[in-house]
Amino acid sequence: MKRTRHSTAQIVAKLREAEKRLGEGDTVGHVCKQIGITDQTYYRWKRKYSGFDADEAKRLRELEKENARLKKIVAEQTMDIDSLKELLKKKL
């Protein structure tokens, strides 16, 4: 099955549409088929993006990317420090 990436605006719109249809009495499985996602994706999106508007969801994604970048920098610096400590131990 082809994997697609949805923008945050698309995710929020699909969640709103799903909530509307669920309010009308449809089942989760039926609604997910109609909007083109799996049940698991629906529940994951609902847990992560429920209550957000498109701008807030977009900001959340940006912050997650920034956080991942900063964690990578910290990990690289830690590795550098450890390698320098090892080098100093060998010299002494």
PDB file of N, CA and C in Angstrom:
ATOM      1  N   MET A   1       0.843  -1.176   0.000  1.00  0.00           N
ATOM      2  CA  MET A   1       0.000   0.000   0.000  1.00  0.00           C
ATOM      3  C   MET A   1       0.888   1.238   0.000  1.00  0.00           C
ATOM      4  N   LYS A   2       0.530   2.215  -0.814  1.00  0.00           N
ATOM      5  CA  LYS A   2       1.309   3.425  -0.933  1.00  0.00           C
ATOM      6  C   LYS A   2       1.163   4.273   0.329  1.00  0.00           C
ATOM      7  N   ARG A   3       2.273   4.763   0.789  1.00  0.00           N
ATOM      8  CA  ARG A   3       2.278   5.580   1.993  1.00  0.00           C
ATOM      9  C   ARG A   3       2.228   7.051   1.598  1.00  0.00           C
ATOM     10  N   THR A   4       1.299   7.793   2.162  1.00  0.00           N
ATOM     11  CA  THR A   4       1.192   9.206   1.832  1.00  0.00           C
ATOM     12  C   THR A   4       1.450  10.047   3.071  1.00  0.00           C
ATOM     13  N   ARG A   5       1.945  11.232   2.857  1.00  0.00           N
ATOM     14  CA  ARG A   5       2.161  12.192   3.917  1.00  0.00           C
ATOM     15  C   ARG A   5       1.047  13.229   3.844  1.00  0.00           C
ATOM     16  N   HIS A   6       0.436  13.462   4.968  1.00  0.00           N
ATOM     17  CA  HIS A   6      -0.611  14.472   5.033  1.00  0.00           C
ATOM     18  C   HIS A   6      -0.062  15.711   5.722  1.00  0.00           C
ATOM     19  N   SER A   7      -0.460  16.866   5.238  1.00  0.00           N
ATOM     20  CA  SER A   7      -0.054  18.096   5.908  1.00  0.00           C
ATOM     21  C   SER A   7      -0.870  18.241   7.185  1.00  0.00           C
ATOM     22  N   THR A   8      -0.410  19.102   8.058  1.00  0.00           N
ATOM     23  CA  THR A   8      -1.135  19.291   9.317  1.00  0.00           C
ATOM     24  C   THR A   8      -2.540  19.830   9.068  1.00  0.00           C
ATOM     25  N   ALA A   9      -2.669  20.684   8.070  1.00  0.00           N
ATOM     26  CA  ALA A   9      -3.994  21.211   7.743  1.00  0.00           C
ATOM     27  C   ALA A   9      -4.919  20.091   7.270  1.00  0.00           C
ATOM     28  N   GLN A  10      -4.391  19.163   6.468  1.00  0.00           N
ATOM     29  CA  GLN A  10      -5.186  18.035   5.998  1.00  0.00           C
ATOM     30  C   GLN A  10      -5.587  17.130   7.162  1.00  0.00           C
ATOM     31  N   ILE A  11      -4.660  16.905   8.085  1.00  0.00           N
ATOM     32  CA  ILE A  11      -4.956  16.055   9.232  1.00  0.00           C
ATOM     33  C   ILE A  11      -6.074  16.644  10.062  1.00  0.00           C
ATOM     34  N   VAL A  12      -5.957  17.928  10.368  1.00  0.00           N
ATOM     35  CA  VAL A  12      -6.979  18.594  11.178  1.00  0.00           C
ATOM     36  C   VAL A  12      -8.324  18.576  10.459  1.00  0.00           C
ATOM     37  N   ALA A  13      -8.314  18.815   9.151  1.00  0.00           N
ATOM     38  CA  ALA A  13      -9.563  18.802   8.386  1.00  0.00           C
ATOM     39  C   ALA A  13     -10.192  17.406   8.388  1.00  0.00           C
ATOM     40  N   LYS A  14      -9.374  16.376   8.210  1.00  0.00           N
ATOM     41  CA  LYS A  14      -9.910  15.012   8.202  1.00  0.00           C
ATOM     42  C   LYS A  14     -10.450  14.622   9.571  1.00  0.00           C
ATOM     43  N   LEU A  15      -9.779  15.056  10.636  1.00  0.00           N
ATOM     44  CA  LEU A  15     -10.283  14.771  11.977  1.00  0.00           C
ATOM     45  C   LEU A  15     -11.619  15.469  12.230  1.00  0.00           C
ATOM     46  N   ARG A  16     -11.739  16.697  11.771  1.00  0.00           N
ATOM     47  CA  ARG A  16     -13.020  17.415  11.923  1.00  0.00           C
ATOM     48  C   ARG A  16     -14.133  16.716  11.150  1.00  0.00           C
ATOM     49  N   GLU A  17     -13.804  16.302   9.933  1.00  0.00           N
ATOM     50  CA  GLU A  17     -14.798  15.589   9.117  1.00  0.00           C
ATOM     51  C   GLU A  17     -15.197  14.279   9.783  1.00  0.00           C
ATOM     52  N   ALA A  18     -14.215  13.568  10.328  1.00  0.00           N
ATOM     53  CA  ALA A  18     -14.494  12.299  10.995  1.00  0.00           C
ATOM     54  C   ALA A  18     -15.374  12.514  12.219  1.00  0.00           C
ATOM     55  N   GLU A  19     -15.071  13.529  13.017  1.00  0.00           N
ATOM     56  CA  GLU A  19     -15.878  13.812  14.206  1.00  0.00           C
ATOM     57  C   GLU A  19     -17.312  14.170  13.824  1.00  0.00           C
ATOM     58  N   LYS A  20     -17.457  14.897  12.734  1.00  0.00           N
ATOM     59  CA  LYS A  20     -18.801  15.261  12.256  1.00  0.00           C
ATOM     60  C   LYS A  20     -19.591  14.011  11.866  1.00  0.00           C
ATOM     61  N   ARG A  21     -18.945  13.125  11.120  1.00  0.00           N
ATOM     62  CA  ARG A  21     -19.623  11.905  10.680  1.00  0.00           C
ATOM     63  C   ARG A  21     -19.899  10.957  11.849  1.00  0.00           C
ATOM     64  N   LEU A  22     -18.976  10.911  12.803  1.00  0.00           N
ATOM     65  CA  LEU A  22     -19.212  10.076  13.985  1.00  0.00           C
ATOM     66  C   LEU A  22     -20.388  10.618  14.792  1.00  0.00           C
ATOM     67  N   GLY A  23     -20.518  11.932  14.824  1.00  0.00           N
ATOM     68  CA  GLY A  23     -21.644  12.550  15.512  1.00  0.00           C
ATOM     69  C   GLY A  23     -22.972  12.242  14.853  1.00  0.00           C
ATOM     70  N   GLU A  24     -22.931  11.963  13.561  1.00  0.00           N
ATOM     71  CA  GLU A  24     -24.146  11.610  12.818  1.00  0.00           C
ATOM     72  C   GLU A  24     -24.501  10.134  12.986  1.00  0.00           C
ATOM     73  N   GLY A  25     -23.625   9.373  13.648  1.00  0.00           N
ATOM     74  CA  GLY A  25     -23.956   7.983  13.934  1.00  0.00           C
ATOM     75  C   GLY A  25     -23.171   6.942  13.166  1.00  0.00           C
ATOM     76  N   ASP A  26     -22.225   7.342  12.337  1.00  0.00           N
ATOM     77  CA  ASP A  26     -21.399   6.375  11.613  1.00  0.00           C
ATOM     78  C   ASP A  26     -20.425   5.695  12.567  1.00  0.00           C
ATOM     79  N   THR A  27     -19.911   4.546  12.147  1.00  0.00           N
ATOM     80  CA  THR A  27     -18.908   3.841  12.953  1.00  0.00           C
ATOM     81  C   THR A  27     -17.515   4.360  12.580  1.00  0.00           C
ATOM     82  N   VAL A  28     -16.557   4.118  13.450  1.00  0.00           N
ATOM     83  CA  VAL A  28     -15.193   4.579  13.210  1.00  0.00           C
ATOM     84  C   VAL A  28     -14.629   3.925  11.952  1.00  0.00           C
ATOM     85  N   GLY A  29     -14.837   2.635  11.797  1.00  0.00           N
ATOM     86  CA  GLY A  29     -14.334   1.928  10.618  1.00  0.00           C
ATOM     87  C   GLY A  29     -14.887   2.482   9.320  1.00  0.00           C
ATOM     88  N   HIS A  30     -16.181   2.779   9.308  1.00  0.00           N
ATOM     89  CA  HIS A  30     -16.825   3.310   8.105  1.00  0.00           C
ATOM     90  C   HIS A  30     -16.313   4.715   7.793  1.00  0.00           C
ATOM     91  N   VAL A  31     -16.182   5.530   8.817  1.00  0.00           N
ATOM     92  CA  VAL A  31     -15.701   6.899   8.629  1.00  0.00           C
ATOM     93  C   VAL A  31     -14.264   6.888   8.111  1.00  0.00           C
ATOM     94  N   CYS A  32     -13.431   6.024   8.667  1.00  0.00           N
ATOM     95  CA  CYS A  32     -12.036   5.954   8.242  1.00  0.00           C
ATOM     96  C   CYS A  32     -11.922   5.544   6.779  1.00  0.00           C
ATOM     97  N   LYS A  33     -12.762   4.619   6.345  1.00  0.00           N
ATOM     98  CA  LYS A  33     -12.758   4.234   4.935  1.00  0.00           C
ATOM     99  C   LYS A  33     -13.149   5.416   4.055  1.00  0.00           C
ATOM    100  N   GLN A  34     -14.124   6.184   4.498  1.00  0.00           N
ATOM    101  CA  GLN A  34     -14.594   7.321   3.705  1.00  0.00           C
ATOM    102  C   GLN A  34     -13.530   8.409   3.557  1.00  0.00           C
ATOM    103  N   ILE A  35     -12.772   8.648   4.612  1.00  0.00           N
ATOM    104  CA  ILE A  35     -11.767   9.704   4.519  1.00  0.00           C
ATOM    105  C   ILE A  35     -10.399   9.185   4.078  1.00  0.00           C
ATOM    106  N   GLY A  36     -10.273   7.873   3.907  1.00  0.00           N
ATOM    107  CA  GLY A  36      -9.074   7.294   3.312  1.00  0.00           C
ATOM    108  C   GLY A  36      -7.921   7.054   4.258  1.00  0.00           C
ATOM    109  N   ILE A  37      -8.206   6.725   5.513  1.00  0.00           N
ATOM    110  CA  ILE A  37      -7.150   6.393   6.465  1.00  0.00           C
ATOM    111  C   ILE A  37      -7.531   5.118   7.203  1.00  0.00           C
ATOM    112  N   THR A  38      -6.584   4.554   7.937  1.00  0.00           N
ATOM    113  CA  THR A  38      -6.875   3.356   8.718  1.00  0.00           C
ATOM    114  C   THR A  38      -7.383   3.758  10.103  1.00  0.00           C
ATOM    115  N   ASP A  39      -7.968   2.802  10.786  1.00  0.00           N
ATOM    116  CA  ASP A  39      -8.445   3.058  12.151  1.00  0.00           C
ATOM    117  C   ASP A  39      -7.279   3.475  13.049  1.00  0.00           C
ATOM    118  N   GLN A  40      -6.168   2.788  12.900  1.00  0.00           N
ATOM    119  CA  GLN A  40      -4.997   3.076  13.722  1.00  0.00           C
ATOM    120  C   GLN A  40      -4.515   4.513  13.495  1.00  0.00           C
ATOM    121  N   THR A  41      -4.492   4.943  12.245  1.00  0.00           N
ATOM    122  CA  THR A  41      -4.085   6.305  11.936  1.00  0.00           C
ATOM    123  C   THR A  41      -5.050   7.299  12.552  1.00  0.00           C
ATOM    124  N   TYR A  42      -6.337   6.994  12.470  1.00  0.00           N
ATOM    125  CA  TYR A  42      -7.335   7.888  13.063  1.00  0.00           C
ATOM    126  C   TYR A  42      -7.083   8.062  14.546  1.00  0.00           C
ATOM    127  N   TYR A  43      -6.891   6.982  15.273  1.00  0.00           N
ATOM    128  CA  TYR A  43      -6.697   7.078  16.718  1.00  0.00           C
ATOM    129  C   TYR A  43      -5.375   7.765  17.065  1.00  0.00           C
ATOM    130  N   ARG A  44      -4.337   7.519  16.261  1.00  0.00           N
ATOM    131  CA  ARG A  44      -3.052   8.173  16.502  1.00  0.00           C
ATOM    132  C   ARG A  44      -3.174   9.682  16.275  1.00  0.00           C
ATOM    133  N   TRP A  45      -3.829  10.083  15.178  1.00  0.00           N
ATOM    134  CA  TRP A  45      -4.035  11.499  14.901  1.00  0.00           C
ATOM    135  C   TRP A  45      -4.908  12.138  15.973  1.00  0.00           C
ATOM    136  N   LYS A  46      -5.931  11.416  16.377  1.00  0.00           N
ATOM    137  CA  LYS A  46      -6.845  11.962  17.380  1.00  0.00           C
ATOM    138  C   LYS A  46      -6.107  12.211  18.692  1.00  0.00           C
ATOM    139  N   ARG A  47      -5.246  11.271  19.075  1.00  0.00           N
ATOM    140  CA  ARG A  47      -4.479  11.428  20.309  1.00  0.00           C
ATOM    141  C   ARG A  47      -3.528  12.623  20.207  1.00  0.00           C
ATOM    142  N   LYS A  48      -2.940  12.814  19.038  1.00  0.00           N
ATOM    143  CA  LYS A  48      -1.922  13.845  18.874  1.00  0.00           C
ATOM    144  C   LYS A  48      -2.496  15.218  18.543  1.00  0.00           C
ATOM    145  N   TYR A  49      -3.508  15.281  17.685  1.00  0.00           N
ATOM    146  CA  TYR A  49      -3.987  16.559  17.164  1.00  0.00           C
ATOM    147  C   TYR A  49      -5.382  16.959  17.624  1.00  0.00           C
ATOM    148  N   SER A  50      -5.991  16.201  18.493  1.00  0.00           N
ATOM    149  CA  SER A  50      -7.348  16.537  18.892  1.00  0.00           C
ATOM    150  C   SER A  50      -7.365  17.862  19.643  1.00  0.00           C
ATOM    151  N   GLY A  51      -8.275  18.724  19.300  1.00  0.00           N
ATOM    152  CA  GLY A  51      -8.410  20.020  19.946  1.00  0.00           C
ATOM    153  C   GLY A  51      -7.542  21.105  19.335  1.00  0.00           C
ATOM    154  N   PHE A  52      -6.739  20.775  18.318  1.00  0.00           N
ATOM    155  CA  PHE A  52      -5.890  21.775  17.677  1.00  0.00           C
ATOM    156  C   PHE A  52      -6.588  22.348  16.461  1.00  0.00           C
ATOM    157  N   ASP A  53      -6.223  23.580  16.138  1.00  0.00           N
ATOM    158  CA  ASP A  53      -6.583  24.078  14.823  1.00  0.00           C
ATOM    159  C   ASP A  53      -5.344  23.898  13.941  1.00  0.00           C
ATOM    160  N   ALA A  54      -5.443  24.245  12.677  1.00  0.00           N
ATOM    161  CA  ALA A  54      -4.363  23.954  11.735  1.00  0.00           C
ATOM    162  C   ALA A  54      -3.065  24.670  12.113  1.00  0.00           C
ATOM    163  N   ASP A  55      -3.154  25.916  12.582  1.00  0.00           N
ATOM    164  CA  ASP A  55      -1.945  26.662  12.944  1.00  0.00           C
ATOM    165  C   ASP A  55      -1.228  26.044  14.141  1.00  0.00           C
ATOM    166  N   GLU A  56      -1.988  25.635  15.141  1.00  0.00           N
ATOM    167  CA  GLU A  56      -1.380  25.021  16.319  1.00  0.00           C
ATOM    168  C   GLU A  56      -0.721  23.689  15.970  1.00  0.00           C
ATOM    169  N   ALA A  57      -1.377  22.909  15.113  1.00  0.00           N
ATOM    170  CA  ALA A  57      -0.819  21.617  14.711  1.00  0.00           C
ATOM    171  C   ALA A  57       0.465  21.818  13.911  1.00  0.00           C
ATOM    172  N   LYS A  58       0.479  22.830  13.053  1.00  0.00           N
ATOM    173  CA  LYS A  58       1.676  23.121  12.270  1.00  0.00           C
ATOM    174  C   LYS A  58       2.812  23.541  13.194  1.00  0.00           C
ATOM    175  N   ARG A  59       2.520  24.353  14.164  1.00  0.00           N
ATOM    176  CA  ARG A  59       3.532  24.799  15.132  1.00  0.00           C
ATOM    177  C   ARG A  59       4.069  23.609  15.938  1.00  0.00           C
ATOM    178  N   LEU A  60       3.195  22.680  16.296  1.00  0.00           N
ATOM    179  CA  LEU A  60       3.617  21.482  17.016  1.00  0.00           C
ATOM    180  C   LEU A  60       4.625  20.692  16.195  1.00  0.00           C
ATOM    181  N   ARG A  61       4.353  20.505  14.924  1.00  0.00           N
ATOM    182  CA  ARG A  61       5.281  19.772  14.056  1.00  0.00           C
ATOM    183  C   ARG A  61       6.619  20.486  13.953  1.00  0.00           C
ATOM    184  N   GLU A  62       6.577  21.820  13.827  1.00  0.00           N
ATOM    185  CA  GLU A  62       7.822  22.581  13.742  1.00  0.00           C
ATOM    186  C   GLU A  62       8.638  22.419  15.023  1.00  0.00           C
ATOM    187  N   LEU A  63       7.969  22.463  16.169  1.00  0.00           N
ATOM    188  CA  LEU A  63       8.670  22.312  17.444  1.00  0.00           C
ATOM    189  C   LEU A  63       9.252  20.910  17.601  1.00  0.00           C
ATOM    190  N   GLU A  64       8.537  19.894  17.113  1.00  0.00           N
ATOM    191  CA  GLU A  64       9.048  18.532  17.184  1.00  0.00           C
ATOM    192  C   GLU A  64      10.302  18.373  16.324  1.00  0.00           C
ATOM    193  N   LYS A  65      10.307  18.991  15.136  1.00  0.00           N
ATOM    194  CA  LYS A  65      11.489  18.933  14.272  1.00  0.00           C
ATOM    195  C   LYS A  65      12.671  19.636  14.935  1.00  0.00           C
ATOM    196  N   GLU A  66      12.417  20.800  15.510  1.00  0.00           N
ATOM    197  CA  GLU A  66      13.474  21.547  16.189  1.00  0.00           C
ATOM    198  C   GLU A  66      14.020  20.753  17.374  1.00  0.00           C
ATOM    199  N   ASN A  67      13.140  20.126  18.121  1.00  0.00           N
ATOM    200  CA  ASN A  67      13.549  19.316  19.261  1.00  0.00           C
ATOM    201  C   ASN A  67      14.429  18.151  18.815  1.00  0.00           C
ATOM    202  N   ALA A  68      14.060  17.494  17.733  1.00  0.00           N
ATOM    203  CA  ALA A  68      14.862  16.384  17.214  1.00  0.00           C
ATOM    204  C   ALA A  68      16.237  16.867  16.773  1.00  0.00           C
ATOM    205  N   ARG A  69      16.290  18.030  16.138  1.00  0.00           N
ATOM    206  CA  ARG A  69      17.565  18.594  15.696  1.00  0.00           C
ATOM    207  C   ARG A  69      18.470  18.889  16.895  1.00  0.00           C
ATOM    208  N   LEU A  70      17.892  19.479  17.933  1.00  0.00           N
ATOM    209  CA  LEU A  70      18.676  19.811  19.121  1.00  0.00           C
ATOM    210  C   LEU A  70      19.160  18.558  19.851  1.00  0.00           C
ATOM    211  N   LYS A  71      18.315  17.529  19.904  1.00  0.00           N
ATOM    212  CA  LYS A  71      18.736  16.270  20.525  1.00  0.00           C
ATOM    213  C   LYS A  71      19.905  15.650  19.776  1.00  0.00           C
ATOM    214  N   LYS A  72      19.872  15.751  18.465  1.00  0.00           N
ATOM    215  CA  LYS A  72      20.961  15.214  17.652  1.00  0.00           C
ATOM    216  C   LYS A  72      22.259  15.960  17.947  1.00  0.00           C
ATOM    217  N   ILE A  73      22.180  17.284  18.073  1.00  0.00           N
ATOM    218  CA  ILE A  73      23.363  18.084  18.385  1.00  0.00           C
ATOM    219  C   ILE A  73      23.938  17.683  19.739  1.00  0.00           C
ATOM    220  N   VAL A  74      23.076  17.526  20.722  1.00  0.00           N
ATOM    221  CA  VAL A  74      23.532  17.134  22.061  1.00  0.00           C
ATOM    222  C   VAL A  74      24.190  15.757  22.018  1.00  0.00           C
ATOM    223  N   ALA A  75      23.612  14.835  21.289  1.00  0.00           N
ATOM    224  CA  ALA A  75      24.185  13.488  21.191  1.00  0.00           C
ATOM    225  C   ALA A  75      25.562  13.535  20.535  1.00  0.00           C
ATOM    226  N   GLU A  76      25.708  14.327  19.493  1.00  0.00           N
ATOM    227  CA  GLU A  76      27.004  14.443  18.822  1.00  0.00           C
ATOM    228  C   GLU A  76      28.041  15.064  19.745  1.00  0.00           C
ATOM    229  N   GLN A  77      27.651  16.080  20.488  1.00  0.00           N
ATOM    230  CA  GLN A  77      28.594  16.711  21.412  1.00  0.00           C
ATOM    231  C   GLN A  77      28.998  15.748  22.527  1.00  0.00           C
ATOM    232  N   THR A  78      28.070  14.967  23.002  1.00  0.00           N
ATOM    233  CA  THR A  78      28.373  13.979  24.035  1.00  0.00           C
ATOM    234  C   THR A  78      29.373  12.953  23.514  1.00  0.00           C
ATOM    235  N   MET A  79      29.191  12.520  22.283  1.00  0.00           N
ATOM    236  CA  MET A  79      30.131  11.572  21.688  1.00  0.00           C
ATOM    237  C   MET A  79      31.517  12.206  21.563  1.00  0.00           C
ATOM    238  N   ASP A  80      31.589  13.468  21.160  1.00  0.00           N
ATOM    239  CA  ASP A  80      32.870  14.159  21.050  1.00  0.00           C
ATOM    240  C   ASP A  80      33.559  14.254  22.405  1.00  0.00           C
ATOM    241  N   ILE A  81      32.817  14.607  23.416  1.00  0.00           N
ATOM    242  CA  ILE A  81      33.370  14.723  24.768  1.00  0.00           C
ATOM    243  C   ILE A  81      33.898  13.375  25.239  1.00  0.00           C
ATOM    244  N   ASP A  82      33.134  12.320  25.021  1.00  0.00           N
ATOM    245  CA  ASP A  82      33.564  10.980  25.431  1.00  0.00           C
ATOM    246  C   ASP A  82      34.842  10.556  24.703  1.00  0.00           C
ATOM    247  N   SER A  83      34.920  10.848  23.423  1.00  0.00           N
ATOM    248  CA  SER A  83      36.117  10.468  22.664  1.00  0.00           C
ATOM    249  C   SER A  83      37.333  11.268  23.133  1.00  0.00           C
ATOM    250  N   LEU A  84      37.153  12.544  23.477  1.00  0.00           N
ATOM    251  CA  LEU A  84      38.260  13.347  23.996  1.00  0.00           C
ATOM    252  C   LEU A  84      38.719  12.843  25.363  1.00  0.00           C
ATOM    253  N   LYS A  85      37.772  12.424  26.194  1.00  0.00           N
ATOM    254  CA  LYS A  85      38.132  11.864  27.501  1.00  0.00           C
ATOM    255  C   LYS A  85      38.952  10.587  27.330  1.00  0.00           C
ATOM    256  N   GLU A  86      38.548   9.736  26.401  1.00  0.00           N
ATOM    257  CA  GLU A  86      39.286   8.507  26.130  1.00  0.00           C
ATOM    258  C   GLU A  86      40.698   8.819  25.644  1.00  0.00           C
ATOM    259  N   LEU A  87      40.820   9.814  24.790  1.00  0.00           N
ATOM    260  CA  LEU A  87      42.115  10.210  24.262  1.00  0.00           C
ATOM    261  C   LEU A  87      43.019  10.725  25.373  1.00  0.00           C
ATOM    262  N   LEU A  88      42.458  11.499  26.284  1.00  0.00           N
ATOM    263  CA  LEU A  88      43.229  12.017  27.416  1.00  0.00           C
ATOM    264  C   LEU A  88      43.685  10.905  28.347  1.00  0.00           C
ATOM    265  N   LYS A  89      42.853   9.904  28.554  1.00  0.00           N
ATOM    266  CA  LYS A  89      43.213   8.769  29.414  1.00  0.00           C
ATOM    267  C   LYS A  89      44.405   8.009  28.821  1.00  0.00           C
ATOM    268  N   LYS A  90      44.415   7.859  27.507  1.00  0.00           N
ATOM    269  CA  LYS A  90      45.493   7.136  26.847  1.00  0.00           C
ATOM    270  C   LYS A  90      46.812   7.900  26.927  1.00  0.00           C
ATOM    271  N   LYS A  91      46.755   9.221  26.885  1.00  0.00           N
ATOM    272  CA  LYS A  91      47.966  10.029  26.941  1.00  0.00           C
ATOM    273  C   LYS A  91      48.561  10.038  28.346  1.00  0.00           C
ATOM    274  N   LEU A  92      47.705   9.933  29.346  1.00  0.00           N
ATOM    275  CA  LEU A  92      48.202   9.970  30.726  1.00  0.00           C
ATOM    276  C   LEU A  92      48.588   8.614  31.130  1.00  0.00           C
TER     277      LEU A  92
END
